[in-house]
Amino acid sequence: MGFFDSIGNALSAALSIGSKIAKCLSGAGLLLEGLKVLGGIFMSLGKALGLIKEDVKPEELGDKVLQAEEAGIKPENFKSYEEYAKKVEEFKTDPEKSKNFTDEAKLSKAIEFTA
């Protein structure tokens, strides 16, 4: 196994663990500030990898993913995660529907999406 394979495996494991932690913490009602910190870490990583645009905020991304899910845009409906992510990025949110989601739900969904 090469150096880059090892790095890739470690990153993949870290993202998987982080995603599971995020789901557990949000389910346990973690304080909003804790989710903001965790969301910031995952968003920074997504931006560094070029997966998320620089000007996107975690709450906005989570809101977009939540509304896209309601419209039937889910990872399992696409051949690749890249296709799914592009469709989410293009999705236009409804400001009225945004009010239906808490900041905690939006942050949690952003963490899940980036992980």
C-alpha atoms as a PDB file:
ATOM      1  CA  MET A   1       0.000   0.000   0.000  1.00  0.00           C
ATOM      2  CA  GLY A   2       1.384   3.381  -1.012  1.00  0.00           C
ATOM      3  CA  PHE A   3       1.569   6.587   0.947  1.00  0.00           C
ATOM      4  CA  PHE A   4      -1.422   8.146  -0.820  1.00  0.00           C
ATOM      5  CA  ASP A   5      -3.499   5.002  -0.325  1.00  0.00           C
ATOM      6  CA  SER A   6      -2.792   5.197   3.399  1.00  0.00           C
ATOM      7  CA  ILE A   7      -3.748   8.876   3.523  1.00  0.00           C
ATOM      8  CA  GLY A   8      -6.916   8.172   1.532  1.00  0.00           C
ATOM      9  CA  ASN A   9      -7.897   5.317   3.831  1.00  0.00           C
ATOM     10  CA  ALA A  10      -7.266   7.410   6.936  1.00  0.00           C
ATOM     11  CA  LEU A  11      -9.295  10.320   5.540  1.00  0.00           C
ATOM     12  CA  SER A  12     -12.125   8.005   4.572  1.00  0.00           C
ATOM     13  CA  ALA A  13     -12.182   6.472   8.057  1.00  0.00           C
ATOM     14  CA  ALA A  14     -12.116   9.895   9.713  1.00  0.00           C
ATOM     15  CA  LEU A  15     -15.014  11.125   7.585  1.00  0.00           C
ATOM     16  CA  SER A  16     -17.016   7.997   8.324  1.00  0.00           C
ATOM     17  CA  ILE A  17     -16.438   8.318  12.051  1.00  0.00           C
ATOM     18  CA  GLY A  18     -17.195  12.047  11.956  1.00  0.00           C
ATOM     19  CA  SER A  19     -20.456  11.422  10.151  1.00  0.00           C
ATOM     20  CA  LYS A  20     -21.512   8.846  12.746  1.00  0.00           C
ATOM     21  CA  ILE A  21     -20.561  11.195  15.575  1.00  0.00           C
ATOM     22  CA  ALA A  22     -22.578  13.985  13.978  1.00  0.00           C
ATOM     23  CA  LYS A  23     -25.655  11.770  13.713  1.00  0.00           C
ATOM     24  CA  CYS A  24     -25.318  10.637  17.330  1.00  0.00           C
ATOM     25  CA  LEU A  25     -24.741  14.119  18.671  1.00  0.00           C
ATOM     26  CA  SER A  26     -27.608  15.664  16.752  1.00  0.00           C
ATOM     27  CA  GLY A  27     -29.880  12.848  17.878  1.00  0.00           C
ATOM     28  CA  ALA A  28     -28.886  13.514  21.464  1.00  0.00           C
ATOM     29  CA  GLY A  29     -29.805  17.191  21.106  1.00  0.00           C
ATOM     30  CA  LEU A  30     -26.272  18.577  21.075  1.00  0.00           C
ATOM     31  CA  LEU A  31     -26.101  22.291  21.622  1.00  0.00           C
ATOM     32  CA  LEU A  32     -26.199  24.434  18.522  1.00  0.00           C
ATOM     33  CA  GLU A  33     -22.684  25.710  19.209  1.00  0.00           C
ATOM     34  CA  GLY A  34     -21.280  22.186  19.185  1.00  0.00           C
ATOM     35  CA  LEU A  35     -22.903  21.495  15.824  1.00  0.00           C
ATOM     36  CA  LYS A  36     -21.495  24.771  14.484  1.00  0.00           C
ATOM     37  CA  VAL A  37     -17.974  23.706  15.427  1.00  0.00           C
ATOM     38  CA  LEU A  38     -18.366  20.253  13.910  1.00  0.00           C
ATOM     39  CA  GLY A  39     -20.075  21.720  10.839  1.00  0.00           C
ATOM     40  CA  GLY A  40     -17.252  24.201  10.400  1.00  0.00           C
ATOM     41  CA  ILE A  41     -14.684  21.413  10.400  1.00  0.00           C
ATOM     42  CA  PHE A  42     -16.521  19.402   7.757  1.00  0.00           C
ATOM     43  CA  MET A  43     -17.285  22.471   5.643  1.00  0.00           C
ATOM     44  CA  SER A  44     -13.621  23.511   5.725  1.00  0.00           C
ATOM     45  CA  LEU A  45     -12.597  20.058   4.592  1.00  0.00           C
ATOM     46  CA  GLY A  46     -15.215  20.057   1.816  1.00  0.00           C
ATOM     47  CA  LYS A  47     -14.065  23.478   0.645  1.00  0.00           C
ATOM     48  CA  ALA A  48     -10.391  22.461   0.765  1.00  0.00           C
ATOM     49  CA  LEU A  49     -11.187  19.434  -1.387  1.00  0.00           C
ATOM     50  CA  GLY A  50     -13.152  21.592  -3.826  1.00  0.00           C
ATOM     51  CA  LEU A  51     -16.437  19.816  -3.086  1.00  0.00           C
ATOM     52  CA  ILE A  52     -18.163  22.891  -1.673  1.00  0.00           C
ATOM     53  CA  LYS A  53     -18.004  26.476  -2.908  1.00  0.00           C
ATOM     54  CA  GLU A  54     -16.140  28.911  -0.662  1.00  0.00           C
ATOM     55  CA  ASP A  55     -19.101  31.220  -0.041  1.00  0.00           C
ATOM     56  CA  VAL A  56     -21.512  28.525   1.194  1.00  0.00           C
ATOM     57  CA  LYS A  57     -22.497  28.582   4.879  1.00  0.00           C
ATOM     58  CA  PRO A  58     -23.283  25.321   6.741  1.00  0.00           C
ATOM     59  CA  GLU A  59     -26.864  26.334   7.562  1.00  0.00           C
ATOM     60  CA  GLU A  60     -27.539  27.247   3.917  1.00  0.00           C
ATOM     61  CA  LEU A  61     -26.129  23.952   2.693  1.00  0.00           C
ATOM     62  CA  GLY A  62     -28.119  21.945   5.224  1.00  0.00           C
ATOM     63  CA  ASP A  63     -31.307  23.799   4.315  1.00  0.00           C
ATOM     64  CA  LYS A  64     -30.683  23.109   0.635  1.00  0.00           C
ATOM     65  CA  VAL A  65     -30.068  19.396   1.260  1.00  0.00           C
ATOM     66  CA  LEU A  66     -33.198  19.095   3.441  1.00  0.00           C
ATOM     67  CA  GLN A  67     -35.415  20.783   0.859  1.00  0.00           C
ATOM     68  CA  ALA A  68     -33.849  18.803  -1.983  1.00  0.00           C
ATOM     69  CA  GLU A  69     -34.599  15.576  -0.088  1.00  0.00           C
ATOM     70  CA  GLU A  70     -38.241  16.618   0.210  1.00  0.00           C
ATOM     71  CA  ALA A  71     -38.251  17.079  -3.578  1.00  0.00           C
ATOM     72  CA  GLY A  72     -36.902  13.532  -4.061  1.00  0.00           C
ATOM     73  CA  ILE A  73     -33.268  14.452  -4.597  1.00  0.00           C
ATOM     74  CA  LYS A  74     -31.444  11.752  -2.626  1.00  0.00           C
ATOM     75  CA  PRO A  75     -28.047  10.084  -3.111  1.00  0.00           C
ATOM     76  CA  GLU A  76     -29.586   6.692  -3.877  1.00  0.00           C
ATOM     77  CA  ASN A  77     -31.366   8.195  -6.900  1.00  0.00           C
ATOM     78  CA  PHE A  78     -28.084   8.994  -8.681  1.00  0.00           C
ATOM     79  CA  LYS A  79     -25.320   6.953 -10.297  1.00  0.00           C
ATOM     80  CA  SER A  80     -22.616   8.845  -8.418  1.00  0.00           C
ATOM     81  CA  TYR A  81     -22.292  11.105  -5.412  1.00  0.00           C
ATOM     82  CA  GLU A  82     -20.922  13.806  -7.708  1.00  0.00           C
ATOM     83  CA  GLU A  83     -24.173  13.822  -9.730  1.00  0.00           C
ATOM     84  CA  TYR A  84     -26.172  14.051  -6.510  1.00  0.00           C
ATOM     85  CA  ALA A  85     -23.997  16.862  -5.113  1.00  0.00           C
ATOM     86  CA  LYS A  86     -24.309  18.833  -8.361  1.00  0.00           C
ATOM     87  CA  LYS A  87     -28.099  18.509  -8.295  1.00  0.00           C
ATOM     88  CA  VAL A  88     -28.173  19.706  -4.669  1.00  0.00           C
ATOM     89  CA  GLU A  89     -25.911  22.630  -5.550  1.00  0.00           C
ATOM     90  CA  GLU A  90     -28.283  23.656  -8.373  1.00  0.00           C
ATOM     91  CA  PHE A  91     -31.391  23.288  -6.191  1.00  0.00           C
ATOM     92  CA  LYS A  92     -33.237  26.527  -5.395  1.00  0.00           C
ATOM     93  CA  THR A  93     -34.518  26.763  -1.839  1.00  0.00           C
ATOM     94  CA  ASP A  94     -37.871  28.169  -0.828  1.00  0.00           C
ATOM     95  CA  PRO A  95     -37.493  30.772   1.960  1.00  0.00           C
ATOM     96  CA  GLU A  96     -40.866  29.781   3.427  1.00  0.00           C
ATOM     97  CA  LYS A  97     -39.861  26.104   3.631  1.00  0.00           C
ATOM     98  CA  SER A  98     -36.575  27.135   5.257  1.00  0.00           C
ATOM     99  CA  LYS A  99     -38.565  28.240   8.294  1.00  0.00           C
ATOM    100  CA  ASN A 100     -39.717  24.628   8.809  1.00  0.00           C
ATOM    101  CA  PHE A 101     -36.208  23.457   9.747  1.00  0.00           C
ATOM    102  CA  THR A 102     -34.294  24.284  12.907  1.00  0.00           C
ATOM    103  CA  ASP A 103     -30.714  25.485  12.764  1.00  0.00           C
ATOM    104  CA  GLU A 104     -29.741  22.216  14.449  1.00  0.00           C
ATOM    105  CA  ALA A 105     -31.410  20.184  11.676  1.00  0.00           C
ATOM    106  CA  LYS A 106     -29.748  22.306   8.992  1.00  0.00           C
ATOM    107  CA  LEU A 107     -26.291  21.986  10.565  1.00  0.00           C
ATOM    108  CA  SER A 108     -26.696  18.272  11.134  1.00  0.00           C
ATOM    109  CA  LYS A 109     -27.710  17.737   7.501  1.00  0.00           C
ATOM    110  CA  ALA A 110     -24.766  19.842   6.268  1.00  0.00           C
ATOM    111  CA  ILE A 111     -22.401  17.678   8.315  1.00  0.00           C
ATOM    112  CA  GLU A 112     -23.969  14.517   6.954  1.00  0.00           C
ATOM    113  CA  PHE A 113     -23.769  15.836   3.372  1.00  0.00           C
ATOM    114  CA  THR A 114     -20.110  16.862   3.604  1.00  0.00           C
ATOM    115  CA  ALA A 115     -19.078  13.676   5.370  1.00  0.00           C
END
